Amino acid sequence: MTKFTAFLKDESGATAIEYGLIAAATALGIVAFMPTIKTYLGSIFGSISAGLASVK
């Protein structure tokens, strides 16, 4: 019975699980905003490309 009680009190894996949940939430946030970032970066690089093309 003492081994079972010790097993229930052991929290050594809790930190790894918490870090895993934080990483998963961060990944979901990145995936959710990726279309917006893609559109914004596309317009920025398009204007840079047009500006460089007019310099020639």
N, C-alpha and C. Protein backbone atom coordinates (compact mmCIF):
# COMPACT_ATOMS: atom_id res chain seq x y z
N MET A 1 0.81 -1.20 0.00
CA MET A 1 0.00 0.00 0.00
C MET A 1 0.85 1.26 0.00
N THR A 2 2.04 1.22 0.58
CA THR A 2 2.89 2.40 0.62
C THR A 2 3.43 2.73 -0.76
N LYS A 3 3.66 1.72 -1.60
CA LYS A 3 4.12 2.00 -2.96
C LYS A 3 3.03 2.71 -3.76
N PHE A 4 1.79 2.31 -3.54
CA PHE A 4 0.67 2.94 -4.24
C PHE A 4 0.51 4.39 -3.79
N THR A 5 0.64 4.64 -2.51
CA THR A 5 0.55 5.99 -1.97
C THR A 5 1.70 6.85 -2.50
N ALA A 6 2.88 6.28 -2.56
CA ALA A 6 4.03 7.02 -3.10
C ALA A 6 3.82 7.33 -4.58
N PHE A 7 3.23 6.39 -5.30
CA PHE A 7 2.94 6.61 -6.71
C PHE A 7 1.96 7.76 -6.90
N LEU A 8 0.94 7.84 -6.08
CA LEU A 8 -0.05 8.90 -6.19
C LEU A 8 0.52 10.27 -5.82
N LYS A 9 1.49 10.29 -4.92
CA LYS A 9 2.08 11.56 -4.51
C LYS A 9 3.20 12.02 -5.44
N ASP A 10 3.67 11.14 -6.31
CA ASP A 10 4.77 11.48 -7.23
C ASP A 10 4.26 12.44 -8.29
N GLU A 11 4.90 13.61 -8.39
CA GLU A 11 4.50 14.63 -9.36
C GLU A 11 5.62 14.94 -10.36
N SER A 12 6.52 14.01 -10.55
CA SER A 12 7.67 14.29 -11.41
C SER A 12 7.29 14.41 -12.88
N GLY A 13 6.25 13.76 -13.33
CA GLY A 13 5.84 13.87 -14.72
C GLY A 13 4.90 15.02 -15.00
N ALA A 14 4.43 15.69 -13.97
CA ALA A 14 3.47 16.78 -14.15
C ALA A 14 4.08 17.95 -14.92
N THR A 15 5.33 18.24 -14.69
CA THR A 15 5.97 19.36 -15.37
C THR A 15 6.07 19.08 -16.87
N ALA A 16 6.42 17.87 -17.24
CA ALA A 16 6.52 17.51 -18.65
C ALA A 16 5.16 17.64 -19.33
N ILE A 17 4.12 17.23 -18.66
CA ILE A 17 2.78 17.34 -19.23
C ILE A 17 2.38 18.81 -19.39
N GLU A 18 2.71 19.63 -18.42
CA GLU A 18 2.39 21.05 -18.50
C GLU A 18 3.13 21.71 -19.66
N TYR A 19 4.41 21.38 -19.83
CA TYR A 19 5.16 21.93 -20.96
C TYR A 19 4.58 21.45 -22.29
N GLY A 20 4.12 20.22 -22.34
CA GLY A 20 3.48 19.70 -23.54
C GLY A 20 2.20 20.45 -23.87
N LEU A 21 1.41 20.76 -22.86
CA LEU A 21 0.18 21.51 -23.08
C LEU A 21 0.47 22.94 -23.53
N ILE A 22 1.50 23.55 -22.98
CA ILE A 22 1.88 24.90 -23.41
C ILE A 22 2.34 24.88 -24.86
N ALA A 23 3.13 23.88 -25.23
CA ALA A 23 3.60 23.77 -26.62
C ALA A 23 2.43 23.54 -27.57
N ALA A 24 1.47 22.73 -27.18
CA ALA A 24 0.31 22.48 -28.02
C ALA A 24 -0.54 23.74 -28.18
N ALA A 25 -0.72 24.49 -27.12
CA ALA A 25 -1.50 25.73 -27.21
C ALA A 25 -0.79 26.76 -28.09
N THR A 26 0.53 26.83 -27.98
CA THR A 26 1.29 27.74 -28.82
C THR A 26 1.18 27.35 -30.29
N ALA A 27 1.28 26.07 -30.57
CA ALA A 27 1.16 25.59 -31.95
C ALA A 27 -0.22 25.88 -32.52
N LEU A 28 -1.25 25.70 -31.72
CA LEU A 28 -2.61 26.01 -32.19
C LEU A 28 -2.78 27.50 -32.48
N GLY A 29 -2.18 28.33 -31.65
CA GLY A 29 -2.24 29.77 -31.88
C GLY A 29 -1.53 30.16 -33.17
N ILE A 30 -0.39 29.56 -33.42
CA ILE A 30 0.35 29.85 -34.65
C ILE A 30 -0.44 29.40 -35.87
N VAL A 31 -1.00 28.22 -35.81
CA VAL A 31 -1.78 27.70 -36.93
C VAL A 31 -3.03 28.55 -37.17
N ALA A 32 -3.63 29.05 -36.12
CA ALA A 32 -4.85 29.85 -36.26
C ALA A 32 -4.57 31.19 -36.95
N PHE A 33 -3.41 31.79 -36.69
CA PHE A 33 -3.09 33.10 -37.27
C PHE A 33 -2.26 33.02 -38.53
N MET A 34 -1.92 31.82 -38.99
CA MET A 34 -1.07 31.68 -40.17
C MET A 34 -1.69 32.29 -41.43
N PRO A 35 -2.97 32.12 -41.72
CA PRO A 35 -3.52 32.76 -42.94
C PRO A 35 -3.42 34.28 -42.91
N THR A 36 -3.62 34.89 -41.77
CA THR A 36 -3.51 36.34 -41.66
C THR A 36 -2.07 36.79 -41.87
N ILE A 37 -1.16 36.08 -41.26
CA ILE A 37 0.26 36.41 -41.42
C ILE A 37 0.69 36.23 -42.87
N LYS A 38 0.20 35.17 -43.51
CA LYS A 38 0.56 34.90 -44.90
C LYS A 38 0.11 36.05 -45.80
N THR A 39 -1.11 36.51 -45.63
CA THR A 39 -1.63 37.60 -46.44
C THR A 39 -0.83 38.88 -46.19
N TYR A 40 -0.56 39.18 -44.94
CA TYR A 40 0.18 40.40 -44.58
C TYR A 40 1.60 40.37 -45.15
N LEU A 41 2.29 39.26 -44.98
CA LEU A 41 3.65 39.15 -45.50
C LEU A 41 3.67 39.18 -47.03
N GLY A 42 2.65 38.58 -47.65
CA GLY A 42 2.57 38.61 -49.11
C GLY A 42 2.44 40.02 -49.64
N SER A 43 1.64 40.83 -48.97
CA SER A 43 1.50 42.22 -49.42
C SER A 43 2.77 43.03 -49.18
N ILE A 44 3.44 42.77 -48.08
CA ILE A 44 4.70 43.48 -47.79
C ILE A 44 5.76 43.14 -48.83
N PHE A 45 5.94 41.84 -49.09
CA PHE A 45 6.96 41.44 -50.06
C PHE A 45 6.57 41.83 -51.48
N GLY A 46 5.28 41.89 -51.77
CA GLY A 46 4.84 42.37 -53.08
C GLY A 46 5.19 43.83 -53.30
N SER A 47 4.98 44.64 -52.27
CA SER A 47 5.32 46.06 -52.41
C SER A 47 6.83 46.27 -52.47
N ILE A 48 7.60 45.46 -51.75
CA ILE A 48 9.06 45.54 -51.84
C ILE A 48 9.52 45.15 -53.24
N SER A 49 8.93 44.08 -53.77
CA SER A 49 9.30 43.63 -55.12
C SER A 49 8.95 44.68 -56.17
N ALA A 50 7.79 45.29 -56.04
CA ALA A 50 7.40 46.34 -56.99
C ALA A 50 8.33 47.54 -56.88
N GLY A 51 8.72 47.89 -55.69
CA GLY A 51 9.65 49.00 -55.49
C GLY A 51 11.02 48.71 -56.08
N LEU A 52 11.49 47.50 -55.92
CA LEU A 52 12.78 47.14 -56.49
C LEU A 52 12.72 47.06 -58.03
N ALA A 53 11.59 46.64 -58.56
CA ALA A 53 11.45 46.53 -60.01
C ALA A 53 11.44 47.93 -60.64
N SER A 54 10.91 48.92 -59.93
CA SER A 54 10.86 50.28 -60.49
C SER A 54 12.21 50.98 -60.44
N VAL A 55 13.15 50.45 -59.64
CA VAL A 55 14.47 51.07 -59.52
C VAL A 55 15.32 50.77 -60.76
N LYS A 56 15.09 49.63 -61.41
CA LYS A 56 15.89 49.24 -62.56
C LYS A 56 15.83 50.31 -63.55
